[in-house]
């Protein structure tokens, strides 16, 4: 019975150190997200997206896996979603997803397409590229 009461009162006392750690953790997460977003924009502005699309269409199996993963990561940025679609990545990702021989390439292509599908225009482009049977 004593164990039940202690579980119902969890946490038993307010832990100031825990609250401070949580606040620091939240601040670090916000900083990291901002850093990743800025980094993704910088990478896109440097011209990486067309090169990644080229790897999707003509690279080795390993290169296709990595290119799809990179596009998935770059697509977290809304501006990059536009650049990725304009570079012709959607048909290349769909083709990679439907014809790739590796599970990793499929997962990465599906992840990139799922991230891009947040935009209505990209949803249409994904469907037109044949991703929906």
C-alpha atoms as a PDB file:
ATOM      1  CA  UNK A   1       0.000   0.000   0.000  1.00  0.00           C
ATOM      2  CA  UNK A   2       2.852   2.352   0.816  1.00  0.00           C
ATOM      3  CA  UNK A   3       4.264   1.879  -2.705  1.00  0.00           C
ATOM      4  CA  UNK A   4       0.926   2.820  -4.276  1.00  0.00           C
ATOM      5  CA  UNK A   5       0.741   6.079  -2.343  1.00  0.00           C
ATOM      6  CA  UNK A   6       4.300   7.033  -3.279  1.00  0.00           C
ATOM      7  CA  UNK A   7       3.595   6.369  -6.974  1.00  0.00           C
ATOM      8  CA  UNK A   8       0.458   8.491  -6.878  1.00  0.00           C
ATOM      9  CA  UNK A   9       2.399  11.385  -5.381  1.00  0.00           C
ATOM     10  CA  UNK A  10       5.228  11.276  -7.944  1.00  0.00           C
ATOM     11  CA  UNK A  11       7.307  13.370  -7.920  1.00  0.00           C
ATOM     12  CA  UNK A  12       7.155  13.461  -4.143  1.00  0.00           C
ATOM     13  CA  UNK A  13       8.773  16.896  -3.847  1.00  0.00           C
ATOM     14  CA  UNK A  14       9.587  19.676  -6.285  1.00  0.00           C
ATOM     15  CA  UNK A  15      13.086  19.146  -7.632  1.00  0.00           C
ATOM     16  CA  UNK A  16      14.627  22.546  -8.430  1.00  0.00           C
ATOM     17  CA  UNK A  17      17.681  20.980 -10.080  1.00  0.00           C
ATOM     18  CA  UNK A  18      15.390  18.999 -12.397  1.00  0.00           C
ATOM     19  CA  UNK A  19      13.489  22.173 -13.351  1.00  0.00           C
ATOM     20  CA  UNK A  20      16.750  23.959 -14.140  1.00  0.00           C
ATOM     21  CA  UNK A  21      17.953  21.042 -16.264  1.00  0.00           C
ATOM     22  CA  UNK A  22      14.636  21.009 -18.127  1.00  0.00           C
ATOM     23  CA  UNK A  23      14.879  24.740 -18.865  1.00  0.00           C
ATOM     24  CA  UNK A  24      18.464  24.393 -20.093  1.00  0.00           C
ATOM     25  CA  UNK A  25      17.437  21.405 -22.202  1.00  0.00           C
ATOM     26  CA  UNK A  26      14.555  23.374 -23.753  1.00  0.00           C
ATOM     27  CA  UNK A  27      16.881  26.286 -24.545  1.00  0.00           C
ATOM     28  CA  UNK A  28      19.457  23.979 -26.132  1.00  0.00           C
ATOM     29  CA  UNK A  29      16.790  22.296 -28.256  1.00  0.00           C
ATOM     30  CA  UNK A  30      15.549  25.683 -29.495  1.00  0.00           C
ATOM     31  CA  UNK A  31      19.111  26.768 -30.299  1.00  0.00           C
ATOM     32  CA  UNK A  32      19.866  23.494 -32.081  1.00  0.00           C
ATOM     33  CA  UNK A  33      16.709  23.739 -34.210  1.00  0.00           C
ATOM     34  CA  UNK A  34      17.575  27.319 -35.202  1.00  0.00           C
ATOM     35  CA  UNK A  35      21.164  26.278 -36.003  1.00  0.00           C
ATOM     36  CA  UNK A  36      20.022  23.338 -38.135  1.00  0.00           C
ATOM     37  CA  UNK A  37      17.543  25.551 -39.997  1.00  0.00           C
ATOM     38  CA  UNK A  38      20.209  28.166 -40.761  1.00  0.00           C
ATOM     39  CA  UNK A  39      22.665  25.458 -41.772  1.00  0.00           C
ATOM     40  CA  UNK A  40      20.103  23.846 -44.088  1.00  0.00           C
ATOM     41  CA  UNK A  41      19.471  27.207 -45.757  1.00  0.00           C
ATOM     42  CA  UNK A  42      23.205  27.817 -46.189  1.00  0.00           C
ATOM     43  CA  UNK A  43      23.713  24.396 -47.751  1.00  0.00           C
ATOM     44  CA  UNK A  44      20.839  24.966 -50.169  1.00  0.00           C
ATOM     45  CA  UNK A  45      22.077  28.436 -51.107  1.00  0.00           C
ATOM     46  CA  UNK A  46      25.483  26.946 -51.886  1.00  0.00           C
ATOM     47  CA  UNK A  47      23.860  24.889 -54.660  1.00  0.00           C
ATOM     48  CA  UNK A  48      23.802  21.474 -53.033  1.00  0.00           C
ATOM     49  CA  UNK A  49      20.227  20.584 -53.968  1.00  0.00           C
ATOM     50  CA  UNK A  50      20.713  20.164 -57.751  1.00  0.00           C
ATOM     51  CA  UNK A  51      23.837  18.082 -57.071  1.00  0.00           C
ATOM     52  CA  UNK A  52      21.861  15.850 -54.717  1.00  0.00           C
ATOM     53  CA  UNK A  53      19.098  15.413 -57.299  1.00  0.00           C
ATOM     54  CA  UNK A  54      21.761  14.438 -59.831  1.00  0.00           C
ATOM     55  CA  UNK A  55      23.032  11.769 -57.423  1.00  0.00           C
ATOM     56  CA  UNK A  56      19.473  10.439 -57.061  1.00  0.00           C
ATOM     57  CA  UNK A  57      19.225   9.914 -60.778  1.00  0.00           C
ATOM     58  CA  UNK A  58      22.735   8.784 -61.667  1.00  0.00           C
ATOM     59  CA  UNK A  59      24.608   7.866 -58.500  1.00  0.00           C
ATOM     60  CA  UNK A  60      25.501   4.506 -57.046  1.00  0.00           C
ATOM     61  CA  UNK A  61      23.100   2.790 -54.658  1.00  0.00           C
ATOM     62  CA  UNK A  62      25.047   4.183 -51.694  1.00  0.00           C
ATOM     63  CA  UNK A  63      25.055   7.682 -53.214  1.00  0.00           C
ATOM     64  CA  UNK A  64      21.284   7.510 -53.742  1.00  0.00           C
ATOM     65  CA  UNK A  65      20.789   6.548 -50.092  1.00  0.00           C
ATOM     66  CA  UNK A  66      22.878   9.478 -48.903  1.00  0.00           C
ATOM     67  CA  UNK A  67      21.362  11.966 -51.365  1.00  0.00           C
ATOM     68  CA  UNK A  68      17.819  11.066 -50.307  1.00  0.00           C
ATOM     69  CA  UNK A  69      18.828  11.375 -46.638  1.00  0.00           C
ATOM     70  CA  UNK A  70      20.391  14.777 -47.270  1.00  0.00           C
ATOM     71  CA  UNK A  71      17.275  16.009 -49.086  1.00  0.00           C
ATOM     72  CA  UNK A  72      15.134  14.716 -46.220  1.00  0.00           C
ATOM     73  CA  UNK A  73      17.227  16.748 -43.767  1.00  0.00           C
ATOM     74  CA  UNK A  74      17.267  19.845 -45.962  1.00  0.00           C
ATOM     75  CA  UNK A  75      13.477  19.684 -46.382  1.00  0.00           C
ATOM     76  CA  UNK A  76      12.937  20.648 -42.740  1.00  0.00           C
ATOM     77  CA  UNK A  77      13.330  24.230 -43.928  1.00  0.00           C
ATOM     78  CA  UNK A  78      10.260  25.635 -45.704  1.00  0.00           C
ATOM     79  CA  UNK A  79      12.326  27.597 -48.235  1.00  0.00           C
ATOM     80  CA  UNK A  80      14.289  24.480 -49.059  1.00  0.00           C
ATOM     81  CA  UNK A  81      11.073  22.592 -49.783  1.00  0.00           C
ATOM     82  CA  UNK A  82      10.543  25.005 -52.677  1.00  0.00           C
ATOM     83  CA  UNK A  83      14.149  24.669 -53.901  1.00  0.00           C
ATOM     84  CA  UNK A  84      13.959  20.872 -53.679  1.00  0.00           C
ATOM     85  CA  UNK A  85      10.748  20.724 -55.706  1.00  0.00           C
ATOM     86  CA  UNK A  86      12.053  23.210 -58.291  1.00  0.00           C
ATOM     87  CA  UNK A  87      15.231  21.152 -58.712  1.00  0.00           C
ATOM     88  CA  UNK A  88      13.178  18.142 -59.833  1.00  0.00           C
ATOM     89  CA  UNK A  89      13.755  16.115 -56.704  1.00  0.00           C
ATOM     90  CA  UNK A  90      10.191  14.862 -56.348  1.00  0.00           C
ATOM     91  CA  UNK A  91      10.148  12.638 -59.469  1.00  0.00           C
ATOM     92  CA  UNK A  92      13.677  11.482 -58.647  1.00  0.00           C
ATOM     93  CA  UNK A  93      12.693  10.613 -55.051  1.00  0.00           C
ATOM     94  CA  UNK A  94       9.567   8.768 -56.219  1.00  0.00           C
ATOM     95  CA  UNK A  95      11.590   6.862 -58.804  1.00  0.00           C
ATOM     96  CA  UNK A  96      14.193   6.065 -56.152  1.00  0.00           C
ATOM     97  CA  UNK A  97      11.476   4.868 -53.788  1.00  0.00           C
ATOM     98  CA  UNK A  98       9.794   2.661 -56.385  1.00  0.00           C
ATOM     99  CA  UNK A  99      12.895   1.192 -58.014  1.00  0.00           C
ATOM    100  CA  UNK A 100      15.651   1.242 -55.393  1.00  0.00           C
ATOM    101  CA  UNK A 101      17.041  -2.041 -54.227  1.00  0.00           C
ATOM    102  CA  UNK A 102      17.923  -0.909 -50.715  1.00  0.00           C
ATOM    103  CA  UNK A 103      15.703  -0.491 -47.693  1.00  0.00           C
ATOM    104  CA  UNK A 104      17.746   2.512 -46.542  1.00  0.00           C
ATOM    105  CA  UNK A 105      17.226   4.355 -49.837  1.00  0.00           C
ATOM    106  CA  UNK A 106      13.500   3.610 -49.661  1.00  0.00           C
ATOM    107  CA  UNK A 107      13.257   4.872 -46.083  1.00  0.00           C
ATOM    108  CA  UNK A 108      15.166   8.055 -46.908  1.00  0.00           C
ATOM    109  CA  UNK A 109      13.166   8.753 -50.069  1.00  0.00           C
ATOM    110  CA  UNK A 110       9.890   8.147 -48.234  1.00  0.00           C
ATOM    111  CA  UNK A 111      11.023  10.425 -45.408  1.00  0.00           C
ATOM    112  CA  UNK A 112      11.961  13.194 -47.814  1.00  0.00           C
ATOM    113  CA  UNK A 113       8.660  12.853 -49.678  1.00  0.00           C
ATOM    114  CA  UNK A 114       6.728  12.858 -46.412  1.00  0.00           C
ATOM    115  CA  UNK A 115       8.465  16.036 -45.311  1.00  0.00           C
ATOM    116  CA  UNK A 116       7.845  17.677 -48.683  1.00  0.00           C
ATOM    117  CA  UNK A 117       4.183  16.613 -48.629  1.00  0.00           C
ATOM    118  CA  UNK A 118       3.474  19.234 -45.987  1.00  0.00           C
ATOM    119  CA  UNK A 119       3.067  21.643 -48.924  1.00  0.00           C
ATOM    120  CA  UNK A 120      -0.103  21.222 -50.984  1.00  0.00           C
ATOM    121  CA  UNK A 121       1.745  21.843 -54.265  1.00  0.00           C
ATOM    122  CA  UNK A 122       4.268  19.162 -53.389  1.00  0.00           C
ATOM    123  CA  UNK A 123       1.449  16.722 -52.572  1.00  0.00           C
ATOM    124  CA  UNK A 124       0.164  17.152 -56.103  1.00  0.00           C
ATOM    125  CA  UNK A 125       3.653  16.782 -57.566  1.00  0.00           C
ATOM    126  CA  UNK A 126       4.229  13.611 -55.527  1.00  0.00           C
ATOM    127  CA  UNK A 127       0.965  12.131 -56.788  1.00  0.00           C
ATOM    128  CA  UNK A 128       1.732  13.161 -60.375  1.00  0.00           C
ATOM    129  CA  UNK A 129       5.168  11.531 -60.096  1.00  0.00           C
ATOM    130  CA  UNK A 130       3.439   8.202 -59.482  1.00  0.00           C
ATOM    131  CA  UNK A 131       3.894   7.735 -55.747  1.00  0.00           C
ATOM    132  CA  UNK A 132       0.211   6.947 -55.291  1.00  0.00           C
ATOM    133  CA  UNK A 133      -0.860   3.810 -57.146  1.00  0.00           C
END
